Amino acid sequence: MFVLMILVLLVSPACHKKQDPIPGAPGGQSDKPLAPGELPGDAQIKNPEVAYNMALEFANQQNMEAAQHYVDLAMLLEPNSKYAYTKGLFCIAERKFDEGLENLQGALDLGPGTEENRLAVLNAMGICYMELGKDEDALAKLREVVNKPGLFSRYEAYYNMGVVYLRQQKYLDAEAVFQKVLEENPGYFKAYNKLGMLKAQKGDWPGAAISFKKAIDLIAMDYRAIQTSGAELYCNYGEALAQQGLYPKAREALLQVLKISPESQYGLKAKQILASIEGTG
């Protein structure tokens, strides 16, 4: 089963780290010169699942260079939908969306097995099209997921559709699909953030503040989520409070942004808002 891998890979930014030699590679060093693109231990790997598991391990370590190498080795040893899908996710993590589409199409062509796996591939293809700015192609793939009857998780596809609708300024459509996200996964904080943005866009700052605060509460005990999304959430929450004249609470939220990421776009925006409310109650 590989349907949930996308959740892991897309929360962490891609990072290229060289390790020489690659730790964990079977066989260690050899006196035989390595072929171009070969890593120590490759000659000893005959089982594609060994290479595949090494690829996952290096992806978890954010060593995407090694992860890509070992998933390629797995695919060389045995063409397999699971390996092609994983390669596609690695490409998404590194923002190589055209290459990701090629591998995801390969995963479909090889036969992903279960219907749930096929929907996972379609969702990933929708992400690639979305990131490439091909909105209608993205929506076509994502609709295929959300309109499939059965007991499948669709919240990721609904969320991705909402992102596309926001970009297209189709705010009613975006709101509807973000609500569907929360019906399927009430703990998905990103959907609360998007709903807060929609409410802010309509001038409903009290409603926006409630949505942003809900998202913040959901990540309160998740260090990784705080580091990756906390600055945006606290900035949005602080702005919503400032718009209501709730300046002490707004300052408190905006100072959290500066603790997390003072020089990011959200840190810079937080500084601007703090400067604008300086001297207020």
Protein backbone atom coordinates (compact mmCIF):
# COMPACT_ATOMS: atom_id res chain seq x y z
CA MET A 1 0.00 0.00 0.00
CA PHE A 2 1.51 3.33 -1.02
CA VAL A 3 -1.41 5.73 -0.90
CA LEU A 4 -0.27 7.69 2.18
CA MET A 5 3.33 8.39 1.16
CA ILE A 6 2.51 11.76 -0.31
CA LEU A 7 1.63 13.10 3.13
CA VAL A 8 5.15 12.43 4.35
CA LEU A 9 7.04 13.71 1.35
CA LEU A 10 5.27 17.00 0.87
CA VAL A 11 5.55 18.38 4.38
CA SER A 12 9.35 18.66 4.20
CA PRO A 13 11.26 20.79 1.71
CA ALA A 14 13.59 18.91 -0.62
CA CYS A 15 17.19 19.00 0.51
CA HIS A 16 20.27 17.84 -1.34
CA LYS A 17 22.94 16.39 0.92
CA LYS A 18 25.91 14.39 -0.25
CA GLN A 19 27.09 11.54 1.92
CA ASP A 20 30.37 9.93 0.94
CA PRO A 21 30.21 7.00 1.25
CA ILE A 22 26.44 6.51 1.49
CA PRO A 23 25.81 5.12 4.98
CA GLY A 24 23.77 1.96 5.06
CA ALA A 25 24.72 0.89 1.56
CA PRO A 26 25.35 -2.86 1.57
CA GLY A 27 28.85 -4.10 0.93
CA GLY A 28 30.69 -0.93 1.94
CA GLN A 29 33.68 0.23 -0.07
CA SER A 30 35.10 -1.79 -2.93
CA ASP A 31 38.41 -1.67 -4.76
CA LYS A 32 36.52 -1.83 -8.06
CA PRO A 33 36.05 1.63 -9.64
CA LEU A 34 32.45 2.81 -9.61
CA ALA A 35 30.59 3.38 -12.84
CA PRO A 36 29.16 6.87 -13.47
CA GLY A 37 26.14 7.33 -11.21
CA GLU A 38 26.92 4.21 -9.17
CA LEU A 39 27.15 4.29 -5.37
CA PRO A 40 29.05 1.94 -3.04
CA GLY A 41 27.10 -1.26 -2.55
CA ASP A 42 25.01 -1.08 -5.74
CA ALA A 43 26.54 -4.26 -7.14
CA GLN A 44 25.42 -6.21 -4.06
CA ILE A 45 21.76 -5.12 -4.32
CA LYS A 46 19.83 -7.72 -6.30
CA ASN A 47 16.43 -7.34 -4.65
CA PRO A 48 14.40 -4.28 -5.78
CA GLU A 49 12.65 -4.07 -2.41
CA VAL A 50 16.02 -3.56 -0.72
CA ALA A 51 16.76 -0.63 -3.03
CA TYR A 52 13.22 0.70 -2.57
CA ASN A 53 13.44 0.62 1.22
CA MET A 54 16.80 2.39 1.08
CA ALA A 55 15.19 5.06 -1.10
CA LEU A 56 12.49 5.62 1.52
CA GLU A 57 15.07 5.78 4.30
CA PHE A 58 17.10 8.43 2.51
CA ALA A 59 13.94 10.40 1.69
CA ASN A 60 13.10 10.43 5.40
CA GLN A 61 16.60 11.82 6.00
CA GLN A 62 15.89 14.46 3.30
CA ASN A 63 18.82 13.16 1.28
CA MET A 64 16.96 13.27 -2.00
CA GLU A 65 20.02 12.63 -4.15
CA ALA A 66 20.47 9.20 -2.57
CA ALA A 67 16.71 8.60 -2.46
CA GLN A 68 16.42 9.22 -6.20
CA HIS A 69 19.40 6.97 -6.86
CA TYR A 70 17.98 3.99 -5.00
CA VAL A 71 14.46 4.29 -6.36
CA ASP A 72 16.00 4.39 -9.85
CA LEU A 73 17.93 1.24 -8.97
CA ALA A 74 14.72 -0.45 -7.78
CA MET A 75 13.02 0.45 -11.07
CA LEU A 76 16.00 -0.88 -13.01
CA LEU A 77 15.82 -4.19 -11.17
CA GLU A 78 12.05 -4.51 -11.60
CA PRO A 79 9.51 -2.24 -13.33
CA ASN A 80 6.85 -1.74 -10.67
CA SER A 81 4.00 0.75 -10.24
CA LYS A 82 4.93 1.34 -6.59
CA TYR A 83 8.47 2.34 -7.52
CA ALA A 84 7.32 4.63 -10.35
CA TYR A 85 4.80 6.29 -8.02
CA THR A 86 7.46 6.83 -5.39
CA LYS A 87 9.81 8.28 -8.01
CA GLY A 88 6.99 10.65 -8.98
CA LEU A 89 6.60 11.78 -5.37
CA PHE A 90 10.33 12.34 -5.06
CA CYS A 91 10.14 14.55 -8.16
CA ILE A 92 7.28 16.52 -6.60
CA ALA A 93 9.34 17.00 -3.43
CA GLU A 94 12.13 18.43 -5.61
CA ARG A 95 9.67 20.48 -7.70
CA LYS A 96 10.48 18.55 -10.87
CA PHE A 97 6.87 18.41 -11.96
CA ASP A 98 7.26 17.44 -15.63
CA GLU A 99 9.48 14.52 -14.62
CA GLY A 100 7.01 13.69 -11.88
CA LEU A 101 4.18 13.43 -14.41
CA GLU A 102 6.19 11.05 -16.58
CA ASN A 103 6.79 8.70 -13.67
CA LEU A 104 3.23 8.92 -12.40
CA GLN A 105 1.91 8.06 -15.85
CA GLY A 106 4.32 5.14 -15.77
CA ALA A 107 2.80 4.07 -12.47
CA LEU A 108 -0.65 4.03 -14.08
CA ASP A 109 0.62 2.13 -17.12
CA LEU A 110 2.21 -0.53 -14.91
CA GLY A 111 -1.04 -1.00 -13.00
CA PRO A 112 -1.17 0.39 -9.45
CA GLY A 113 -3.11 -2.58 -8.10
CA THR A 114 -5.90 -1.35 -5.85
CA GLU A 115 -8.33 1.40 -6.75
CA GLU A 116 -7.12 3.39 -3.76
CA ASN A 117 -3.60 3.29 -5.14
CA ARG A 118 -4.82 4.44 -8.55
CA LEU A 119 -6.57 7.42 -6.93
CA ALA A 120 -3.36 8.28 -5.07
CA VAL A 121 -1.52 8.42 -8.40
CA LEU A 122 -4.23 10.62 -9.93
CA ASN A 123 -4.07 12.99 -6.95
CA ALA A 124 -0.29 13.29 -7.36
CA MET A 125 -0.75 13.98 -11.07
CA GLY A 126 -3.23 16.70 -10.15
CA ILE A 127 -0.58 18.30 -7.94
CA CYS A 128 1.92 18.29 -10.79
CA TYR A 129 -0.53 19.91 -13.19
CA MET A 130 -1.52 22.44 -10.52
CA GLU A 131 2.11 23.41 -9.90
CA LEU A 132 2.71 23.71 -13.64
CA GLY A 133 -0.21 26.15 -13.91
CA LYS A 134 -2.34 23.73 -15.94
CA ASP A 135 -5.44 24.24 -13.85
CA GLU A 136 -8.00 22.46 -16.03
CA ASP A 137 -5.79 19.37 -16.35
CA ALA A 138 -5.32 19.43 -12.57
CA LEU A 139 -9.05 19.71 -11.91
CA ALA A 140 -9.79 16.87 -14.35
CA LYS A 141 -7.50 14.50 -12.42
CA LEU A 142 -8.73 15.66 -9.02
CA ARG A 143 -12.39 15.34 -10.01
CA GLU A 144 -11.68 11.77 -11.03
CA VAL A 145 -10.60 11.18 -7.44
CA VAL A 146 -13.40 12.97 -5.59
CA ASN A 147 -16.16 11.58 -7.81
CA LYS A 148 -15.12 7.95 -7.38
CA PRO A 149 -17.71 6.11 -5.26
CA GLY A 150 -16.45 4.02 -2.39
CA LEU A 151 -14.81 4.32 1.01
CA PHE A 152 -11.75 6.27 -0.08
CA SER A 153 -10.05 9.24 1.53
CA ARG A 154 -10.53 12.25 -0.72
CA TYR A 155 -9.55 15.17 1.50
CA GLU A 156 -6.18 15.74 -0.19
CA ALA A 157 -7.80 15.94 -3.61
CA TYR A 158 -10.50 18.31 -2.31
CA TYR A 159 -7.80 20.49 -0.76
CA ASN A 160 -5.82 20.63 -3.99
CA MET A 161 -8.97 21.55 -5.91
CA GLY A 162 -9.53 24.38 -3.44
CA VAL A 163 -6.05 25.73 -4.08
CA VAL A 164 -6.78 25.79 -7.81
CA TYR A 165 -10.16 27.48 -7.28
CA LEU A 166 -8.52 30.13 -5.11
CA ARG A 167 -6.04 30.87 -7.86
CA GLN A 168 -8.94 31.15 -10.31
CA GLN A 169 -10.79 33.45 -7.86
CA LYS A 170 -13.72 31.03 -7.73
CA TYR A 171 -14.28 31.66 -4.06
CA LEU A 172 -17.59 29.85 -3.63
CA ASP A 173 -16.17 26.73 -5.24
CA ALA A 174 -13.06 26.98 -3.07
CA GLU A 175 -15.09 27.35 0.12
CA ALA A 176 -17.25 24.36 -0.75
CA VAL A 177 -14.31 22.01 -1.32
CA PHE A 178 -12.41 23.21 1.77
CA GLN A 179 -15.52 22.40 3.80
CA LYS A 180 -15.46 18.92 2.25
CA VAL A 181 -11.84 18.57 3.36
CA LEU A 182 -12.88 19.16 6.96
CA GLU A 183 -15.81 16.77 6.69
CA GLU A 184 -13.35 14.02 5.78
CA ASN A 185 -10.47 15.15 7.99
CA PRO A 186 -11.44 17.62 10.76
CA GLY A 187 -7.81 17.83 11.86
CA TYR A 188 -6.44 19.13 8.55
CA PHE A 189 -5.22 22.55 9.68
CA LYS A 190 -4.38 23.77 6.18
CA ALA A 191 -8.06 23.78 5.25
CA TYR A 192 -8.89 26.00 8.25
CA ASN A 193 -6.17 28.39 7.11
CA LYS A 194 -7.64 28.58 3.61
CA LEU A 195 -11.15 29.11 4.95
CA GLY A 196 -9.79 31.91 7.11
CA MET A 197 -8.26 33.51 4.03
CA LEU A 198 -11.59 33.30 2.23
CA LYS A 199 -13.38 34.95 5.16
CA ALA A 200 -10.74 37.68 5.29
CA GLN A 201 -11.19 38.25 1.57
CA LYS A 202 -14.90 38.93 2.27
CA GLY A 203 -14.05 41.27 5.15
CA ASP A 204 -15.27 38.82 7.80
CA TRP A 205 -12.31 39.35 10.11
CA PRO A 206 -13.95 37.80 13.23
CA GLY A 207 -14.74 34.65 11.25
CA ALA A 208 -11.25 34.64 9.75
CA ALA A 209 -9.67 34.90 13.20
CA ILE A 210 -11.68 31.90 14.40
CA SER A 211 -10.50 29.78 11.47
CA PHE A 212 -6.86 30.82 11.85
CA LYS A 213 -6.96 30.14 15.59
CA LYS A 214 -8.40 26.68 14.95
CA ALA A 215 -5.50 25.93 12.61
CA ILE A 216 -3.02 27.16 15.23
CA ASP A 217 -4.59 25.01 17.92
CA LEU A 218 -4.31 21.94 15.69
CA ILE A 219 -0.55 22.33 15.25
CA ALA A 220 0.20 23.36 18.83
CA MET A 221 1.99 20.08 19.68
CA ASP A 222 3.48 19.43 16.23
CA TYR A 223 6.99 20.92 16.05
CA ARG A 224 7.43 20.22 12.35
CA ALA A 225 4.11 21.82 11.43
CA ILE A 226 4.92 24.85 13.56
CA GLN A 227 8.24 25.30 11.78
CA THR A 228 6.78 24.84 8.30
CA SER A 229 3.39 26.55 8.66
CA GLY A 230 3.34 28.37 12.00
CA ALA A 231 4.69 31.68 10.67
CA GLU A 232 1.92 31.92 8.08
CA LEU A 233 -0.82 30.94 10.52
CA TYR A 234 0.25 33.34 13.27
CA CYS A 235 0.70 36.14 10.73
CA ASN A 236 -2.79 35.60 9.34
CA TYR A 237 -4.24 35.38 12.85
CA GLY A 238 -2.42 38.53 13.97
CA GLU A 239 -3.65 40.46 10.95
CA ALA A 240 -7.24 39.34 11.58
CA LEU A 241 -7.00 40.50 15.21
CA ALA A 242 -5.44 43.82 14.22
CA GLN A 243 -8.24 44.43 11.73
CA GLN A 244 -10.68 44.13 14.64
CA GLY A 245 -8.71 46.51 16.81
CA LEU A 246 -7.64 43.73 19.18
CA TYR A 247 -4.11 45.07 19.31
CA PRO A 248 -2.63 43.36 22.39
CA LYS A 249 -3.68 39.92 21.10
CA ALA A 250 -2.54 40.88 17.60
CA ARG A 251 0.92 41.81 18.91
CA GLU A 252 1.16 38.53 20.76
CA ALA A 253 0.38 36.55 17.61
CA LEU A 254 2.69 38.60 15.39
CA LEU A 255 5.59 38.24 17.80
CA GLN A 256 5.18 34.48 17.46
CA VAL A 257 5.83 34.91 13.74
CA LEU A 258 9.14 36.60 14.52
CA LYS A 259 10.11 33.76 16.84
CA ILE A 260 9.48 31.17 14.12
CA SER A 261 10.71 32.86 10.94
CA PRO A 262 11.60 36.56 11.30
CA GLU A 263 13.03 37.02 7.78
CA SER A 264 10.43 35.07 5.80
CA GLN A 265 7.69 36.80 3.84
CA TYR A 266 5.44 36.32 6.86
CA GLY A 267 8.06 37.70 9.21
CA LEU A 268 8.40 40.81 7.06
CA LYS A 269 4.62 41.21 6.89
CA ALA A 270 4.33 40.76 10.66
CA LYS A 271 6.90 43.54 11.18
CA GLN A 272 4.88 45.83 8.92
CA ILE A 273 1.67 45.17 10.84
CA LEU A 274 3.44 45.62 14.18
CA ALA A 275 4.82 48.96 12.99
CA SER A 276 1.35 50.07 11.88
CA ILE A 277 -0.23 49.33 15.27
CA GLU A 278 2.63 50.69 17.35
CA GLY A 279 1.33 53.04 20.03
CA THR A 280 -2.20 51.70 19.88
CA GLY A 281 -4.02 50.28 22.90
